[in-house]
């Protein structure tokens, strides 16, 4: 009887160890979302999580509200795999002129913008002048 008890205990210990190893190496639920080649990706969370906008267009403007990127701190991470820059814009309160908030260079990325683009309401790619797009 002692042999079976020891064998069962060893088997259970092996299964528990294997299961524990599996749990320890599992992919976390908040894994970063990849940005494909030739795309601009803007994320509402740090660490490339919660992708709001993904585009391949190189001469277009996008209203960030349509992509849920103006609530909270706005764009909190980005990856620009396009061959062109992207410029973030907002309008001034005084004369409603466009004001640039920053530029995302071609090939650049940031996993944490620290809310530096929190005023932006529009992003334009490829040097396109800002305008209110339909979507």
Protein backbone atom coordinates (compact mmCIF):
# COMPACT_ATOMS: atom_id res chain seq x y z
CA UNK A 1 0.00 0.00 0.00
CA UNK A 2 2.91 2.37 0.76
CA UNK A 3 4.30 1.95 -2.79
CA UNK A 4 1.04 3.11 -4.40
CA UNK A 5 0.74 6.06 -2.05
CA UNK A 6 4.32 7.20 -2.85
CA UNK A 7 3.80 6.71 -6.58
CA UNK A 8 0.52 8.67 -6.50
CA UNK A 9 2.15 11.48 -4.53
CA UNK A 10 5.04 11.64 -7.00
CA UNK A 11 2.63 11.70 -9.94
CA UNK A 12 0.54 14.48 -8.37
CA UNK A 13 3.68 16.48 -7.60
CA UNK A 14 4.84 16.14 -11.22
CA UNK A 15 1.45 17.26 -12.54
CA UNK A 16 1.36 20.22 -10.14
CA UNK A 17 4.90 21.23 -11.13
CA UNK A 18 4.06 21.02 -14.82
CA UNK A 19 0.85 23.00 -14.33
CA UNK A 20 2.67 25.60 -12.28
CA UNK A 21 5.27 25.99 -15.02
CA UNK A 22 2.53 26.44 -17.59
CA UNK A 23 0.80 29.11 -15.55
CA UNK A 24 4.07 30.96 -14.97
CA UNK A 25 4.84 31.17 -18.69
CA UNK A 26 1.34 31.96 -19.91
CA UNK A 27 0.92 35.07 -22.05
CA UNK A 28 -0.55 37.91 -20.01
CA UNK A 29 -4.01 39.17 -20.96
CA UNK A 30 -2.62 42.66 -21.58
CA UNK A 31 -0.04 41.64 -24.17
CA UNK A 32 1.01 44.40 -26.55
CA UNK A 33 -0.87 44.64 -29.83
CA UNK A 34 1.41 44.43 -32.86
CA UNK A 35 1.46 47.17 -35.46
CA UNK A 36 1.92 45.72 -38.97
CA UNK A 37 4.55 47.00 -41.38
CA UNK A 38 3.52 50.10 -43.34
CA UNK A 39 0.95 51.14 -40.69
CA UNK A 40 0.57 53.95 -38.19
CA UNK A 41 -0.86 52.66 -34.91
CA UNK A 42 -2.08 54.87 -32.07
CA UNK A 43 -2.97 53.33 -28.71
CA UNK A 44 -5.14 54.55 -25.82
CA UNK A 45 -2.93 52.76 -23.26
CA UNK A 46 0.77 52.53 -22.55
CA UNK A 47 2.78 49.54 -23.73
CA UNK A 48 1.09 49.38 -27.15
CA UNK A 49 -2.25 48.27 -25.67
CA UNK A 50 -5.80 49.26 -26.60
CA UNK A 51 -5.20 50.18 -30.24
CA UNK A 52 -7.49 52.96 -31.36
CA UNK A 53 -6.29 53.85 -34.86
CA UNK A 54 -4.44 51.77 -37.41
CA UNK A 55 -3.95 53.12 -40.92
CA UNK A 56 -1.86 52.66 -44.05
CA UNK A 57 -2.91 56.02 -45.53
CA UNK A 58 0.01 58.37 -46.12
CA UNK A 59 -1.79 61.64 -46.91
CA UNK A 60 -4.90 61.75 -44.76
CA UNK A 61 -6.26 63.32 -41.56
CA UNK A 62 -8.18 61.41 -38.88
CA UNK A 63 -10.38 62.79 -36.11
CA UNK A 64 -9.15 61.11 -32.95
CA UNK A 65 -12.64 61.15 -31.37
CA UNK A 66 -13.77 58.55 -33.92
CA UNK A 67 -11.06 56.21 -32.59
CA UNK A 68 -11.62 56.81 -28.85
CA UNK A 69 -8.29 58.62 -28.55
CA UNK A 70 -9.33 61.86 -26.90
CA UNK A 71 -10.72 60.62 -23.59
CA UNK A 72 -8.39 60.47 -20.60
CA UNK A 73 -4.84 61.20 -21.71
CA UNK A 74 -5.51 60.51 -25.40
CA UNK A 75 -2.67 58.74 -27.20
CA UNK A 76 -0.51 56.96 -24.62
CA UNK A 77 1.66 54.92 -27.00
CA UNK A 78 2.30 54.78 -30.73
CA UNK A 79 4.25 53.04 -33.47
CA UNK A 80 4.78 54.65 -36.88
CA UNK A 81 5.76 52.00 -39.42
CA UNK A 82 4.81 54.33 -42.30
CA UNK A 83 7.44 55.92 -44.53
CA UNK A 84 6.01 59.37 -43.69
CA UNK A 85 5.60 61.43 -40.52
CA UNK A 86 2.35 61.96 -38.66
CA UNK A 87 1.49 65.30 -37.03
CA UNK A 88 -0.97 65.71 -34.15
CA UNK A 89 -3.14 68.84 -34.04
CA UNK A 90 -5.66 70.76 -31.94
CA UNK A 91 -7.45 74.06 -32.53
CA UNK A 92 -6.79 77.18 -30.49
CA UNK A 93 -9.64 78.57 -28.42
CA UNK A 94 -9.04 82.15 -29.52
CA UNK A 95 -9.11 82.12 -33.33
CA UNK A 96 -9.74 78.42 -34.09
CA UNK A 97 -6.45 78.02 -35.97
CA UNK A 98 -4.72 74.66 -36.06
CA UNK A 99 -1.86 74.21 -33.57
CA UNK A 100 0.62 71.32 -33.88
CA UNK A 101 0.99 69.23 -30.71
CA UNK A 102 3.86 67.10 -31.96
CA UNK A 103 5.28 65.00 -34.75
CA UNK A 104 5.65 61.24 -34.89
CA UNK A 105 8.55 60.58 -37.24
CA UNK A 106 8.58 57.71 -39.72
CA UNK A 107 9.88 54.57 -38.03
CA UNK A 108 9.50 55.93 -34.50
CA UNK A 109 7.65 54.53 -31.51
CA UNK A 110 6.91 55.23 -27.86
CA UNK A 111 5.47 52.83 -25.31
CA UNK A 112 4.56 55.74 -22.99
CA UNK A 113 3.91 59.27 -24.24
CA UNK A 114 3.16 60.46 -20.68
CA UNK A 115 0.05 62.17 -22.05
CA UNK A 116 2.07 64.61 -24.18
CA UNK A 117 -0.59 64.44 -26.91
CA UNK A 118 -3.56 64.92 -24.57
CA UNK A 119 -4.78 68.06 -26.39
CA UNK A 120 -4.67 66.51 -29.88
CA UNK A 121 -7.96 66.06 -31.72
CA UNK A 122 -6.58 65.25 -35.18
CA UNK A 123 -3.66 63.34 -36.71
CA UNK A 124 -2.50 63.92 -40.28
CA UNK A 125 -0.03 61.77 -42.18
CA UNK A 126 2.50 62.63 -44.85
CA UNK A 127 2.51 66.40 -44.39
CA UNK A 128 -1.21 66.73 -45.10
CA UNK A 129 -2.60 70.06 -43.88
CA UNK A 130 -5.11 69.64 -41.05
CA UNK A 131 -8.79 69.55 -41.89
CA UNK A 132 -11.93 68.02 -40.35
CA UNK A 133 -12.28 64.65 -42.02
CA UNK A 134 -15.56 62.75 -42.25
CA UNK A 135 -14.18 59.68 -40.46
